[in-house]
Amino acid sequence: MEDPTSDVGEVDPEDAPECIVCEDRIVNSPSHRVLTWVEDGSVEHRHFCSDACVADWSE
């Protein structure tokens, strides 16, 4: 995956993160969401392409 601080649009689609729910590549998505938390001393995160996928995952 590319540097997450890179400018929007610089990420090659092959390197873009996948939505954990629908598995679509997240490229230039204004609704891209990342949930981050600490579990057992490790940082965990999940990428989502939309609020709907966040809701599906959290149910």
PDB file of N, CA and C in Angstrom:
ATOM      1  N   MET A   1       0.847  -1.177   0.000  1.00  0.00           N
ATOM      2  CA  MET A   1       0.000   0.000   0.000  1.00  0.00           C
ATOM      3  C   MET A   1       0.889   1.236   0.000  1.00  0.00           C
ATOM      4  N   GLU A   2       0.440   2.254  -0.685  1.00  0.00           N
ATOM      5  CA  GLU A   2       1.158   3.515  -0.758  1.00  0.00           C
ATOM      6  C   GLU A   2       1.116   4.238   0.586  1.00  0.00           C
ATOM      7  N   ASP A   3       1.977   5.215   0.727  1.00  0.00           N
ATOM      8  CA  ASP A   3       2.000   6.075   1.901  1.00  0.00           C
ATOM      9  C   ASP A   3       0.611   6.683   2.098  1.00  0.00           C
ATOM     10  N   PRO A   4      -0.033   6.467   3.255  1.00  0.00           N
ATOM     11  CA  PRO A   4      -1.393   6.977   3.456  1.00  0.00           C
ATOM     12  C   PRO A   4      -1.470   8.492   3.490  1.00  0.00           C
ATOM     13  N   THR A   5      -0.328   9.180   3.557  1.00  0.00           N
ATOM     14  CA  THR A   5      -0.339  10.639   3.554  1.00  0.00           C
ATOM     15  C   THR A   5      -0.121  11.201   2.161  1.00  0.00           C
ATOM     16  N   SER A   6      -0.076  10.339   1.140  1.00  0.00           N
ATOM     17  CA  SER A   6       0.133  10.816  -0.226  1.00  0.00           C
ATOM     18  C   SER A   6      -1.090  11.603  -0.684  1.00  0.00           C
ATOM     19  N   ASP A   7      -0.901  12.412  -1.714  1.00  0.00           N
ATOM     20  CA  ASP A   7      -1.997  13.209  -2.248  1.00  0.00           C
ATOM     21  C   ASP A   7      -3.068  12.303  -2.834  1.00  0.00           C
ATOM     22  N   VAL A   8      -4.311  12.759  -2.758  1.00  0.00           N
ATOM     23  CA  VAL A   8      -5.426  12.004  -3.312  1.00  0.00           C
ATOM     24  C   VAL A   8      -5.168  11.786  -4.797  1.00  0.00           C
ATOM     25  N   GLY A   9      -5.394  10.583  -5.250  1.00  0.00           N
ATOM     26  CA  GLY A   9      -5.215  10.264  -6.651  1.00  0.00           C
ATOM     27  C   GLY A   9      -3.847   9.718  -6.987  1.00  0.00           C
ATOM     28  N   GLU A  10      -2.911   9.734  -6.062  1.00  0.00           N
ATOM     29  CA  GLU A  10      -1.571   9.234  -6.334  1.00  0.00           C
ATOM     30  C   GLU A  10      -1.462   7.723  -6.146  1.00  0.00           C
ATOM     31  N   VAL A  11      -2.438   7.101  -5.545  1.00  0.00           N
ATOM     32  CA  VAL A  11      -2.363   5.678  -5.245  1.00  0.00           C
ATOM     33  C   VAL A  11      -2.695   4.864  -6.489  1.00  0.00           C
ATOM     34  N   ASP A  12      -1.803   3.968  -6.822  1.00  0.00           N
ATOM     35  CA  ASP A  12      -2.030   3.047  -7.922  1.00  0.00           C
ATOM     36  C   ASP A  12      -3.145   2.087  -7.492  1.00  0.00           C
ATOM     37  N   PRO A  13      -4.138   1.835  -8.326  1.00  0.00           N
ATOM     38  CA  PRO A  13      -5.232   0.941  -7.952  1.00  0.00           C
ATOM     39  C   PRO A  13      -4.769  -0.429  -7.455  1.00  0.00           C
ATOM     40  N   GLU A  14      -3.646  -0.919  -7.962  1.00  0.00           N
ATOM     41  CA  GLU A  14      -3.141  -2.218  -7.508  1.00  0.00           C
ATOM     42  C   GLU A  14      -2.619  -2.149  -6.075  1.00  0.00           C
ATOM     43  N   ASP A  15      -2.238  -0.961  -5.620  1.00  0.00           N
ATOM     44  CA  ASP A  15      -1.713  -0.774  -4.271  1.00  0.00           C
ATOM     45  C   ASP A  15      -2.756  -0.242  -3.299  1.00  0.00           C
ATOM     46  N   ALA A  16      -3.926   0.105  -3.802  1.00  0.00           N
ATOM     47  CA  ALA A  16      -4.971   0.684  -2.961  1.00  0.00           C
ATOM     48  C   ALA A  16      -5.515  -0.369  -1.998  1.00  0.00           C
ATOM     49  N   PRO A  17      -5.952   0.076  -0.814  1.00  0.00           N
ATOM     50  CA  PRO A  17      -6.528  -0.880   0.139  1.00  0.00           C
ATOM     51  C   PRO A  17      -7.861  -1.411  -0.371  1.00  0.00           C
ATOM     52  N   GLU A  18      -8.245  -2.590   0.118  1.00  0.00           N
ATOM     53  CA  GLU A  18      -9.537  -3.175  -0.233  1.00  0.00           C
ATOM     54  C   GLU A  18     -10.510  -2.977   0.916  1.00  0.00           C
ATOM     55  N   CYS A  19     -11.754  -2.745   0.580  1.00  0.00           N
ATOM     56  CA  CYS A  19     -12.813  -2.665   1.584  1.00  0.00           C
ATOM     57  C   CYS A  19     -12.938  -4.036   2.233  1.00  0.00           C
ATOM     58  N   ILE A  20     -12.953  -4.081   3.547  1.00  0.00           N
ATOM     59  CA  ILE A  20     -13.025  -5.349   4.284  1.00  0.00           C
ATOM     60  C   ILE A  20     -14.370  -6.063   4.065  1.00  0.00           C
ATOM     61  N   VAL A  21     -15.404  -5.321   3.652  1.00  0.00           N
ATOM     62  CA  VAL A  21     -16.733  -5.910   3.472  1.00  0.00           C
ATOM     63  C   VAL A  21     -16.956  -6.366   2.033  1.00  0.00           C
ATOM     64  N   CYS A  22     -16.856  -5.448   1.079  1.00  0.00           N
ATOM     65  CA  CYS A  22     -17.188  -5.791  -0.312  1.00  0.00           C
ATOM     66  C   CYS A  22     -15.963  -6.123  -1.157  1.00  0.00           C
ATOM     67  N   GLU A  23     -14.764  -5.912  -0.604  1.00  0.00           N
ATOM     68  CA  GLU A  23     -13.490  -6.225  -1.247  1.00  0.00           C
ATOM     69  C   GLU A  23     -13.177  -5.376  -2.479  1.00  0.00           C
ATOM     70  N   ASP A  24     -13.911  -4.269  -2.684  1.00  0.00           N
ATOM     71  CA  ASP A  24     -13.582  -3.343  -3.773  1.00  0.00           C
ATOM     72  C   ASP A  24     -12.323  -2.580  -3.404  1.00  0.00           C
ATOM     73  N   ARG A  25     -11.512  -2.258  -4.399  1.00  0.00           N
ATOM     74  CA  ARG A  25     -10.341  -1.410  -4.188  1.00  0.00           C
ATOM     75  C   ARG A  25     -10.833   0.011  -3.914  1.00  0.00           C
ATOM     76  N   ILE A  26     -10.225   0.675  -2.949  1.00  0.00           N
ATOM     77  CA  ILE A  26     -10.645   2.017  -2.567  1.00  0.00           C
ATOM     78  C   ILE A  26      -9.688   3.023  -3.201  1.00  0.00           C
ATOM     79  N   VAL A  27     -10.124   3.596  -4.313  1.00  0.00           N
ATOM     80  CA  VAL A  27      -9.317   4.556  -5.060  1.00  0.00           C
ATOM     81  C   VAL A  27     -10.160   5.812  -5.277  1.00  0.00           C
ATOM     82  N   ASN A  28      -9.641   6.953  -4.841  1.00  0.00           N
ATOM     83  CA  ASN A  28     -10.323   8.240  -5.024  1.00  0.00           C
ATOM     84  C   ASN A  28     -11.750   8.232  -4.489  1.00  0.00           C
ATOM     85  N   SER A  29     -11.978   7.578  -3.387  1.00  0.00           N
ATOM     86  CA  SER A  29     -13.311   7.506  -2.797  1.00  0.00           C
ATOM     87  C   SER A  29     -13.463   8.553  -1.697  1.00  0.00           C
ATOM     88  N   PRO A  30     -14.381   9.509  -1.881  1.00  0.00           N
ATOM     89  CA  PRO A  30     -14.586  10.516  -0.838  1.00  0.00           C
ATOM     90  C   PRO A  30     -15.223   9.933   0.418  1.00  0.00           C
ATOM     91  N   SER A  31     -15.794   8.744   0.314  1.00  0.00           N
ATOM     92  CA  SER A  31     -16.434   8.128   1.477  1.00  0.00           C
ATOM     93  C   SER A  31     -15.556   7.052   2.131  1.00  0.00           C
ATOM     94  N   HIS A  32     -14.260   7.010   1.781  1.00  0.00           N
ATOM     95  CA  HIS A  32     -13.317   6.056   2.370  1.00  0.00           C
ATOM     96  C   HIS A  32     -13.255   6.271   3.878  1.00  0.00           C
ATOM     97  N   ARG A  33     -13.432   5.204   4.640  1.00  0.00           N
ATOM     98  CA  ARG A  33     -13.376   5.258   6.100  1.00  0.00           C
ATOM     99  C   ARG A  33     -12.344   4.246   6.583  1.00  0.00           C
ATOM    100  N   VAL A  34     -11.646   4.606   7.658  1.00  0.00           N
ATOM    101  CA  VAL A  34     -10.699   3.700   8.293  1.00  0.00           C
ATOM    102  C   VAL A  34     -11.017   3.676   9.776  1.00  0.00           C
ATOM    103  N   LEU A  35     -11.273   2.492  10.307  1.00  0.00           N
ATOM    104  CA  LEU A  35     -11.470   2.327  11.744  1.00  0.00           C
ATOM    105  C   LEU A  35     -10.181   1.772  12.322  1.00  0.00           C
ATOM    106  N   THR A  36      -9.730   2.369  13.419  1.00  0.00           N
ATOM    107  CA  THR A  36      -8.482   1.980  14.064  1.00  0.00           C
ATOM    108  C   THR A  36      -8.733   1.768  15.542  1.00  0.00           C
ATOM    109  N   TRP A  37      -8.103   0.729  16.115  1.00  0.00           N
ATOM    110  CA  TRP A  37      -8.228   0.459  17.541  1.00  0.00           C
ATOM    111  C   TRP A  37      -6.999  -0.316  18.010  1.00  0.00           C
ATOM    112  N   VAL A  38      -6.850  -0.404  19.333  1.00  0.00           N
ATOM    113  CA  VAL A  38      -5.750  -1.165  19.919  1.00  0.00           C
ATOM    114  C   VAL A  38      -6.336  -2.434  20.515  1.00  0.00           C
ATOM    115  N   GLU A  39      -5.751  -3.570  20.170  1.00  0.00           N
ATOM    116  CA  GLU A  39      -6.219  -4.867  20.668  1.00  0.00           C
ATOM    117  C   GLU A  39      -5.004  -5.694  21.073  1.00  0.00           C
ATOM    118  N   ASP A  40      -4.967  -6.104  22.325  1.00  0.00           N
ATOM    119  CA  ASP A  40      -3.854  -6.907  22.846  1.00  0.00           C
ATOM    120  C   ASP A  40      -2.489  -6.260  22.575  1.00  0.00           C
ATOM    121  N   GLY A  41      -2.423  -4.932  22.715  1.00  0.00           N
ATOM    122  CA  GLY A  41      -1.164  -4.219  22.545  1.00  0.00           C
ATOM    123  C   GLY A  41      -0.766  -3.949  21.112  1.00  0.00           C
ATOM    124  N   SER A  42      -1.600  -4.329  20.156  1.00  0.00           N
ATOM    125  CA  SER A  42      -1.303  -4.083  18.740  1.00  0.00           C
ATOM    126  C   SER A  42      -2.348  -3.140  18.147  1.00  0.00           C
ATOM    127  N   VAL A  43      -1.914  -2.314  17.222  1.00  0.00           N
ATOM    128  CA  VAL A  43      -2.839  -1.432  16.521  1.00  0.00           C
ATOM    129  C   VAL A  43      -3.471  -2.207  15.376  1.00  0.00           C
ATOM    130  N   GLU A  44      -4.781  -2.189  15.317  1.00  0.00           N
ATOM    131  CA  GLU A  44      -5.542  -2.846  14.253  1.00  0.00           C
ATOM    132  C   GLU A  44      -6.283  -1.776  13.460  1.00  0.00           C
ATOM    133  N   HIS A  45      -6.504  -2.014  12.184  1.00  0.00           N
ATOM    134  CA  HIS A  45      -7.293  -1.085  11.380  1.00  0.00           C
ATOM    135  C   HIS A  45      -7.983  -1.833  10.251  1.00  0.00           C
ATOM    136  N   ARG A  46      -9.090  -1.273   9.820  1.00  0.00           N
ATOM    137  CA  ARG A  46      -9.857  -1.833   8.707  1.00  0.00           C
ATOM    138  C   ARG A  46     -10.274  -0.693   7.790  1.00  0.00           C
ATOM    139  N   HIS A  47     -10.201  -0.933   6.484  1.00  0.00           N
ATOM    140  CA  HIS A  47     -10.605   0.051   5.483  1.00  0.00           C
ATOM    141  C   HIS A  47     -12.005  -0.285   4.988  1.00  0.00           C
ATOM    142  N   PHE A  48     -12.792   0.756   4.740  1.00  0.00           N
ATOM    143  CA  PHE A  48     -14.158   0.614   4.229  1.00  0.00           C
ATOM    144  C   PHE A  48     -14.378   1.624   3.116  1.00  0.00           C
ATOM    145  N   CYS A  49     -15.125   1.241   2.092  1.00  0.00           N
ATOM    146  CA  CYS A  49     -15.368   2.140   0.966  1.00  0.00           C
ATOM    147  C   CYS A  49     -16.551   3.071   1.203  1.00  0.00           C
ATOM    148  N   SER A  50     -17.373   2.783   2.224  1.00  0.00           N
ATOM    149  CA  SER A  50     -18.535   3.624   2.480  1.00  0.00           C
ATOM    150  C   SER A  50     -19.037   3.430   3.913  1.00  0.00           C
ATOM    151  N   ASP A  51     -19.897   4.350   4.333  1.00  0.00           N
ATOM    152  CA  ASP A  51     -20.518   4.218   5.654  1.00  0.00           C
ATOM    153  C   ASP A  51     -21.393   2.972   5.724  1.00  0.00           C
ATOM    154  N   ALA A  52     -22.006   2.598   4.587  1.00  0.00           N
ATOM    155  CA  ALA A  52     -22.845   1.399   4.552  1.00  0.00           C
ATOM    156  C   ALA A  52     -22.015   0.146   4.855  1.00  0.00           C
ATOM    157  N   CYS A  53     -20.803   0.076   4.323  1.00  0.00           N
ATOM    158  CA  CYS A  53     -19.940  -1.080   4.600  1.00  0.00           C
ATOM    159  C   CYS A  53     -19.479  -1.079   6.060  1.00  0.00           C
ATOM    160  N   VAL A  54     -19.232   0.096   6.632  1.00  0.00           N
ATOM    161  CA  VAL A  54     -18.904   0.180   8.050  1.00  0.00           C
ATOM    162  C   VAL A  54     -20.053  -0.378   8.874  1.00  0.00           C
ATOM    163  N   ALA A  55     -21.264   0.028   8.547  1.00  0.00           N
ATOM    164  CA  ALA A  55     -22.447  -0.432   9.277  1.00  0.00           C
ATOM    165  C   ALA A  55     -22.629  -1.944   9.141  1.00  0.00           C
ATOM    166  N   ASP A  56     -22.446  -2.477   7.926  1.00  0.00           N
ATOM    167  CA  ASP A  56     -22.564  -3.926   7.714  1.00  0.00           C
ATOM    168  C   ASP A  56     -21.542  -4.687   8.543  1.00  0.00           C
ATOM    169  N   TRP A  57     -20.308  -4.188   8.594  1.00  0.00           N
ATOM    170  CA  TRP A  57     -19.235  -4.855   9.326  1.00  0.00           C
ATOM    171  C   TRP A  57     -19.461  -4.823  10.830  1.00  0.00           C
ATOM    172  N   SER A  58     -19.972  -3.708  11.340  1.00  0.00           N
ATOM    173  CA  SER A  58     -20.115  -3.559  12.788  1.00  0.00           C
ATOM    174  C   SER A  58     -21.352  -4.251  13.356  1.00  0.00           C
ATOM    175  N   GLU A  59     -22.226  -4.742  12.487  1.00  0.00           N
ATOM    176  CA  GLU A  59     -23.430  -5.453  12.975  1.00  0.00           C
ATOM    177  C   GLU A  59     -23.143  -6.893  13.291  1.00  0.00           C
TER     178      GLU A  59
END
